């Protein structure tokens, strides 16, 4: 079930093995992203998530927009 979490929670769940998913386009992901994040652009998220993500691990989906 989706829920919003703060930065401390992101740090905690990733330390526990959660997968980080950046949903911006690849060009923006290449400019800057969190260490260890997987790039699955929002438009391809549904189509590729089951191929790329481990269903046994939690997932943190985020969108970093510095604008």
C-alpha atoms as a PDB file:
ATOM      1  CA  UNK A   1       0.000   0.000   0.000  1.00  0.00           C
ATOM      2  CA  UNK A   2       1.576   3.364  -1.002  1.00  0.00           C
ATOM      3  CA  UNK A   3       2.393   5.818   1.740  1.00  0.00           C
ATOM      4  CA  UNK A   4       4.439   8.993   2.048  1.00  0.00           C
ATOM      5  CA  UNK A   5       7.615   8.787   4.128  1.00  0.00           C
ATOM      6  CA  UNK A   6      10.231  11.314   5.199  1.00  0.00           C
ATOM      7  CA  UNK A   7      13.987  11.286   4.577  1.00  0.00           C
ATOM      8  CA  UNK A   8      14.792   9.506   7.835  1.00  0.00           C
ATOM      9  CA  UNK A   9      12.364   6.733   6.941  1.00  0.00           C
ATOM     10  CA  UNK A  10      13.917   6.453   3.462  1.00  0.00           C
ATOM     11  CA  UNK A  11      17.345   6.032   5.045  1.00  0.00           C
ATOM     12  CA  UNK A  12      16.014   3.422   7.461  1.00  0.00           C
ATOM     13  CA  UNK A  13      14.121   1.302   4.935  1.00  0.00           C
ATOM     14  CA  UNK A  14      16.944   1.388   2.384  1.00  0.00           C
ATOM     15  CA  UNK A  15      19.363   0.289   5.104  1.00  0.00           C
ATOM     16  CA  UNK A  16      16.942  -2.597   5.658  1.00  0.00           C
ATOM     17  CA  UNK A  17      17.075  -3.528   1.953  1.00  0.00           C
ATOM     18  CA  UNK A  18      14.356  -1.462   0.259  1.00  0.00           C
ATOM     19  CA  UNK A  19      14.799  -0.670  -3.430  1.00  0.00           C
ATOM     20  CA  UNK A  20      14.940   2.979  -4.502  1.00  0.00           C
ATOM     21  CA  UNK A  21      13.194   3.808  -7.765  1.00  0.00           C
ATOM     22  CA  UNK A  22      13.641   7.187  -9.466  1.00  0.00           C
ATOM     23  CA  UNK A  23      10.773   7.855 -11.894  1.00  0.00           C
ATOM     24  CA  UNK A  24      12.140  10.825 -13.849  1.00  0.00           C
ATOM     25  CA  UNK A  25      13.279  10.334 -17.475  1.00  0.00           C
ATOM     26  CA  UNK A  26      16.686   8.723 -17.987  1.00  0.00           C
ATOM     27  CA  UNK A  27      18.356  12.002 -18.970  1.00  0.00           C
ATOM     28  CA  UNK A  28      17.351  13.603 -15.666  1.00  0.00           C
ATOM     29  CA  UNK A  29      18.294  10.469 -13.724  1.00  0.00           C
ATOM     30  CA  UNK A  30      21.755  10.671 -15.310  1.00  0.00           C
ATOM     31  CA  UNK A  31      22.153  14.242 -14.036  1.00  0.00           C
ATOM     32  CA  UNK A  32      21.461  13.388 -10.397  1.00  0.00           C
ATOM     33  CA  UNK A  33      19.882  10.611  -8.360  1.00  0.00           C
ATOM     34  CA  UNK A  34      20.157   8.996  -4.957  1.00  0.00           C
ATOM     35  CA  UNK A  35      22.978   6.453  -4.598  1.00  0.00           C
ATOM     36  CA  UNK A  36      21.784   2.975  -5.509  1.00  0.00           C
ATOM     37  CA  UNK A  37      18.558   4.165  -7.152  1.00  0.00           C
ATOM     38  CA  UNK A  38      17.111   2.287 -10.093  1.00  0.00           C
ATOM     39  CA  UNK A  39      15.752   4.369 -12.968  1.00  0.00           C
ATOM     40  CA  UNK A  40      12.261   3.357 -14.060  1.00  0.00           C
ATOM     41  CA  UNK A  41      10.687   6.364 -15.776  1.00  0.00           C
ATOM     42  CA  UNK A  42       7.077   6.859 -14.750  1.00  0.00           C
ATOM     43  CA  UNK A  43       5.812   6.111 -18.246  1.00  0.00           C
ATOM     44  CA  UNK A  44       7.503   2.684 -18.142  1.00  0.00           C
ATOM     45  CA  UNK A  45       7.091   1.922 -14.438  1.00  0.00           C
ATOM     46  CA  UNK A  46       4.080  -0.358 -14.692  1.00  0.00           C
ATOM     47  CA  UNK A  47       5.445  -2.195 -17.727  1.00  0.00           C
ATOM     48  CA  UNK A  48       8.945  -2.812 -16.346  1.00  0.00           C
ATOM     49  CA  UNK A  49       8.545  -2.986 -12.569  1.00  0.00           C
ATOM     50  CA  UNK A  50       7.939  -6.735 -12.461  1.00  0.00           C
ATOM     51  CA  UNK A  51      10.979  -7.353 -14.673  1.00  0.00           C
ATOM     52  CA  UNK A  52      13.381  -5.166 -12.692  1.00  0.00           C
ATOM     53  CA  UNK A  53      12.246  -5.115  -9.066  1.00  0.00           C
ATOM     54  CA  UNK A  54      12.475  -7.837  -6.447  1.00  0.00           C
ATOM     55  CA  UNK A  55       8.914  -8.549  -5.267  1.00  0.00           C
ATOM     56  CA  UNK A  56      10.232  -9.711  -1.891  1.00  0.00           C
ATOM     57  CA  UNK A  57      11.740  -6.313  -1.001  1.00  0.00           C
ATOM     58  CA  UNK A  58      10.091  -3.010  -0.159  1.00  0.00           C
ATOM     59  CA  UNK A  59      10.150  -0.286  -2.810  1.00  0.00           C
ATOM     60  CA  UNK A  60      10.609   3.460  -2.347  1.00  0.00           C
ATOM     61  CA  UNK A  61       9.499   5.387  -5.429  1.00  0.00           C
ATOM     62  CA  UNK A  62      10.631   8.983  -5.656  1.00  0.00           C
ATOM     63  CA  UNK A  63      10.909  11.868  -8.059  1.00  0.00           C
ATOM     64  CA  UNK A  64      13.754  14.326  -7.530  1.00  0.00           C
ATOM     65  CA  UNK A  65      13.037  17.591  -9.254  1.00  0.00           C
ATOM     66  CA  UNK A  66      15.468  20.386  -8.469  1.00  0.00           C
ATOM     67  CA  UNK A  67      13.456  22.986 -10.376  1.00  0.00           C
END
